[in-house]
N, C-alpha and C. Protein backbone atom coordinates (compact mmCIF):
# COMPACT_ATOMS: atom_id res chain seq x y z
N MET A 1 82.39 120.96 160.66
CA MET A 1 81.78 120.93 162.11
C MET A 1 80.51 121.76 162.07
N ASN A 2 79.60 121.79 162.92
CA ASN A 2 78.50 122.35 162.57
C ASN A 2 78.68 123.61 164.14
N ILE A 3 77.21 124.67 163.52
CA ILE A 3 77.53 126.03 164.63
C ILE A 3 76.27 126.31 164.06
N THR A 4 75.55 126.97 164.82
CA THR A 4 74.03 127.68 164.82
C THR A 4 74.44 129.18 164.54
N ILE A 5 73.66 129.51 163.67
CA ILE A 5 73.43 130.74 163.14
C ILE A 5 72.43 131.47 162.78
N ASN A 6 71.91 132.29 164.09
CA ASN A 6 70.73 133.17 164.19
C ASN A 6 69.39 132.21 164.12
N GLY A 7 69.86 130.74 165.27
CA GLY A 7 68.68 129.46 164.89
C GLY A 7 68.89 128.70 164.02
N GLU A 8 69.19 128.73 162.98
CA GLU A 8 69.63 128.29 161.75
C GLU A 8 71.21 127.08 161.48
N THR A 9 71.65 125.64 161.78
CA THR A 9 72.22 124.98 161.81
C THR A 9 73.21 125.37 160.49
N LYS A 10 74.39 125.57 160.68
CA LYS A 10 75.43 126.16 159.70
C LYS A 10 76.58 124.97 159.81
N ALA A 11 76.62 124.34 158.54
CA ALA A 11 78.33 123.07 158.43
C ALA A 11 79.16 124.10 157.93
N VAL A 12 80.76 124.46 158.95
CA VAL A 12 81.33 125.27 158.67
C VAL A 12 83.11 124.48 158.87
N THR A 13 84.04 125.00 157.99
CA THR A 13 85.39 123.72 158.42
C THR A 13 86.01 123.92 159.37
N ALA A 14 86.76 123.23 160.14
CA ALA A 14 86.95 123.29 161.29
C ALA A 14 88.10 124.43 161.41
N SER A 15 88.20 125.41 162.24
CA SER A 15 89.62 125.98 162.93
C SER A 15 89.43 127.37 162.48
N ILE A 16 87.65 127.51 161.87
CA ILE A 16 87.27 128.98 161.63
C ILE A 16 87.01 130.03 162.59
N SER A 17 87.83 131.28 162.22
CA SER A 17 87.90 131.94 163.16
C SER A 17 86.36 132.97 162.86
N LEU A 18 85.88 133.72 163.97
CA LEU A 18 84.91 134.94 163.51
C LEU A 18 85.23 135.49 162.05
N THR A 19 86.35 136.45 162.00
CA THR A 19 86.47 137.10 161.08
C THR A 19 86.39 136.09 159.71
N ASP A 20 87.01 134.76 159.50
CA ASP A 20 86.58 134.00 158.69
C ASP A 20 85.15 134.03 158.41
N LEU A 21 84.34 133.50 159.19
CA LEU A 21 83.09 133.49 159.08
C LEU A 21 82.09 134.27 158.46
N ILE A 22 82.65 135.93 159.15
CA ILE A 22 81.86 137.23 158.82
C ILE A 22 82.27 137.02 157.20
N ALA A 23 83.80 136.57 156.93
CA ALA A 23 84.14 137.10 154.99
C ALA A 23 82.88 135.82 154.62
N SER A 24 83.13 134.75 154.86
CA SER A 24 82.55 133.85 154.07
C SER A 24 80.88 134.08 153.70
N LEU A 25 80.42 134.94 155.12
CA LEU A 25 79.18 135.43 155.17
C LEU A 25 78.70 136.32 153.86
N ASP A 26 79.93 136.89 153.44
CA ASP A 26 79.57 138.47 152.81
C ASP A 26 79.10 139.64 153.60
N LEU A 27 79.68 140.03 155.04
CA LEU A 27 79.56 141.21 155.84
C LEU A 27 80.60 141.18 156.48
N THR A 28 81.88 141.32 155.02
CA THR A 28 83.07 142.22 155.67
C THR A 28 83.10 143.66 155.96
N ASN A 29 82.09 144.05 154.89
CA ASN A 29 82.49 145.75 155.09
C ASN A 29 80.89 146.51 155.70
N HIS A 30 80.66 145.36 156.46
CA HIS A 30 79.53 146.00 157.28
C HIS A 30 79.38 146.28 158.76
N ARG A 31 79.21 146.98 159.41
CA ARG A 31 79.05 146.76 160.82
C ARG A 31 77.92 145.76 161.74
N VAL A 32 78.64 144.60 162.55
CA VAL A 32 78.39 143.60 162.84
C VAL A 32 78.39 143.43 164.34
N ALA A 33 77.77 143.17 165.10
CA ALA A 33 78.02 142.65 165.95
C ALA A 33 77.65 141.04 166.51
N ILE A 34 78.34 140.67 167.23
CA ILE A 34 78.28 139.16 167.47
C ILE A 34 78.05 138.87 168.86
N GLU A 35 76.99 137.38 168.98
CA GLU A 35 76.75 136.96 170.32
C GLU A 35 77.30 135.45 170.06
N ARG A 36 78.40 135.08 170.84
CA ARG A 36 78.94 133.53 170.81
C ARG A 36 78.50 133.07 172.22
N ASN A 37 77.03 131.70 172.21
CA ASN A 37 76.80 131.08 173.42
C ASN A 37 77.11 132.06 174.51
N GLY A 38 76.13 133.41 173.92
CA GLY A 38 75.11 134.20 175.30
C GLY A 38 76.13 135.22 175.40
N ALA A 39 77.01 135.32 174.90
CA ALA A 39 78.43 136.37 175.48
C ALA A 39 78.33 137.10 173.88
N ILE A 40 78.36 139.00 174.03
CA ILE A 40 78.87 139.14 173.03
C ILE A 40 80.60 139.61 172.85
N VAL A 41 81.19 139.38 171.51
CA VAL A 41 82.48 139.01 171.35
C VAL A 41 82.63 140.45 170.75
N PRO A 42 83.54 141.47 171.51
CA PRO A 42 83.87 142.71 170.79
C PRO A 42 84.74 142.01 169.74
N ARG A 43 84.15 143.58 168.92
CA ARG A 43 85.10 142.97 167.10
C ARG A 43 86.96 143.04 167.32
N SER A 44 87.44 143.62 168.16
CA SER A 44 88.66 143.50 168.30
C SER A 44 89.70 142.17 169.02
N GLN A 45 88.06 141.14 169.12
CA GLN A 45 88.53 139.88 169.36
C GLN A 45 88.23 138.79 167.91
N HIS A 46 87.55 139.67 167.62
CA HIS A 46 86.92 138.20 166.13
C HIS A 46 87.80 137.79 165.60
N ALA A 47 89.06 137.99 165.14
CA ALA A 47 90.51 137.17 164.50
C ALA A 47 90.90 136.24 165.59
N GLN A 48 90.92 136.40 167.07
CA GLN A 48 91.36 135.63 167.61
C GLN A 48 90.83 134.66 168.14
N THR A 49 89.21 134.82 168.25
CA THR A 49 88.30 133.77 168.69
C THR A 49 88.03 132.37 167.43
N GLN A 50 88.11 131.64 167.77
CA GLN A 50 87.97 130.83 166.86
C GLN A 50 86.85 129.68 167.40
N LEU A 51 86.22 129.39 166.10
CA LEU A 51 84.86 128.74 166.83
C LEU A 51 84.97 127.28 167.21
N SER A 52 83.64 126.45 167.62
CA SER A 52 84.06 125.21 168.09
C SER A 52 82.78 124.64 168.12
N GLU A 53 83.13 123.14 167.72
CA GLU A 53 81.80 122.43 167.21
C GLU A 53 80.35 122.60 168.34
N GLY A 54 79.54 122.63 167.74
CA GLY A 54 78.30 122.95 168.67
C GLY A 54 77.73 124.83 169.17
N ASP A 55 78.79 125.62 169.00
CA ASP A 55 78.44 127.26 168.83
C ASP A 55 77.22 127.69 168.79
N ALA A 56 76.65 128.44 169.54
CA ALA A 56 75.41 128.92 168.98
C ALA A 56 76.01 130.65 168.88
N LEU A 57 75.56 131.01 167.43
CA LEU A 57 76.01 132.87 167.56
C LEU A 57 74.75 133.33 166.76
N GLU A 58 74.75 134.61 167.59
CA GLU A 58 73.66 135.44 167.06
C GLU A 58 74.20 136.73 166.40
N ILE A 59 74.06 136.52 165.07
CA ILE A 59 74.58 138.24 164.29
C ILE A 59 73.20 138.93 163.53
N VAL A 60 74.43 140.52 164.05
CA VAL A 60 73.32 141.59 164.04
C VAL A 60 73.97 142.30 163.10
N VAL A 61 73.19 142.76 161.92
CA VAL A 61 73.96 143.65 161.46
C VAL A 61 73.59 145.04 161.13
N ALA A 62 74.23 145.96 161.46
CA ALA A 62 73.49 147.25 161.68
C ALA A 62 73.60 148.22 160.07
N VAL A 63 72.43 148.45 159.94
CA VAL A 63 71.25 149.09 158.88
C VAL A 63 71.83 150.95 159.28
N GLY A 64 71.80 151.45 158.72
CA GLY A 64 71.76 152.65 158.38
C GLY A 64 69.91 153.37 157.57
N GLY A 65 69.88 154.42 157.87
CA GLY A 65 69.30 154.87 157.03
C GLY A 65 68.35 156.36 157.40
N GLY A 66 68.06 157.03 156.93
CA GLY A 66 67.39 158.33 157.52
C GLY A 66 65.87 158.47 157.33
């Protein structure tokens, strides 16, 4: 199925959760904020949130520094 991540179309397997997507993008050990179809998805809901055809995601990775 196809989803959009930060404005770019990406093909992913069906029945993928946000947790699975984060792992496939090598972002597991990063602090990320995810918006799905205009709504923020709390981190506590990432594992339960299944993606659907046509979902639009915005993923922001927190970067520390000094």
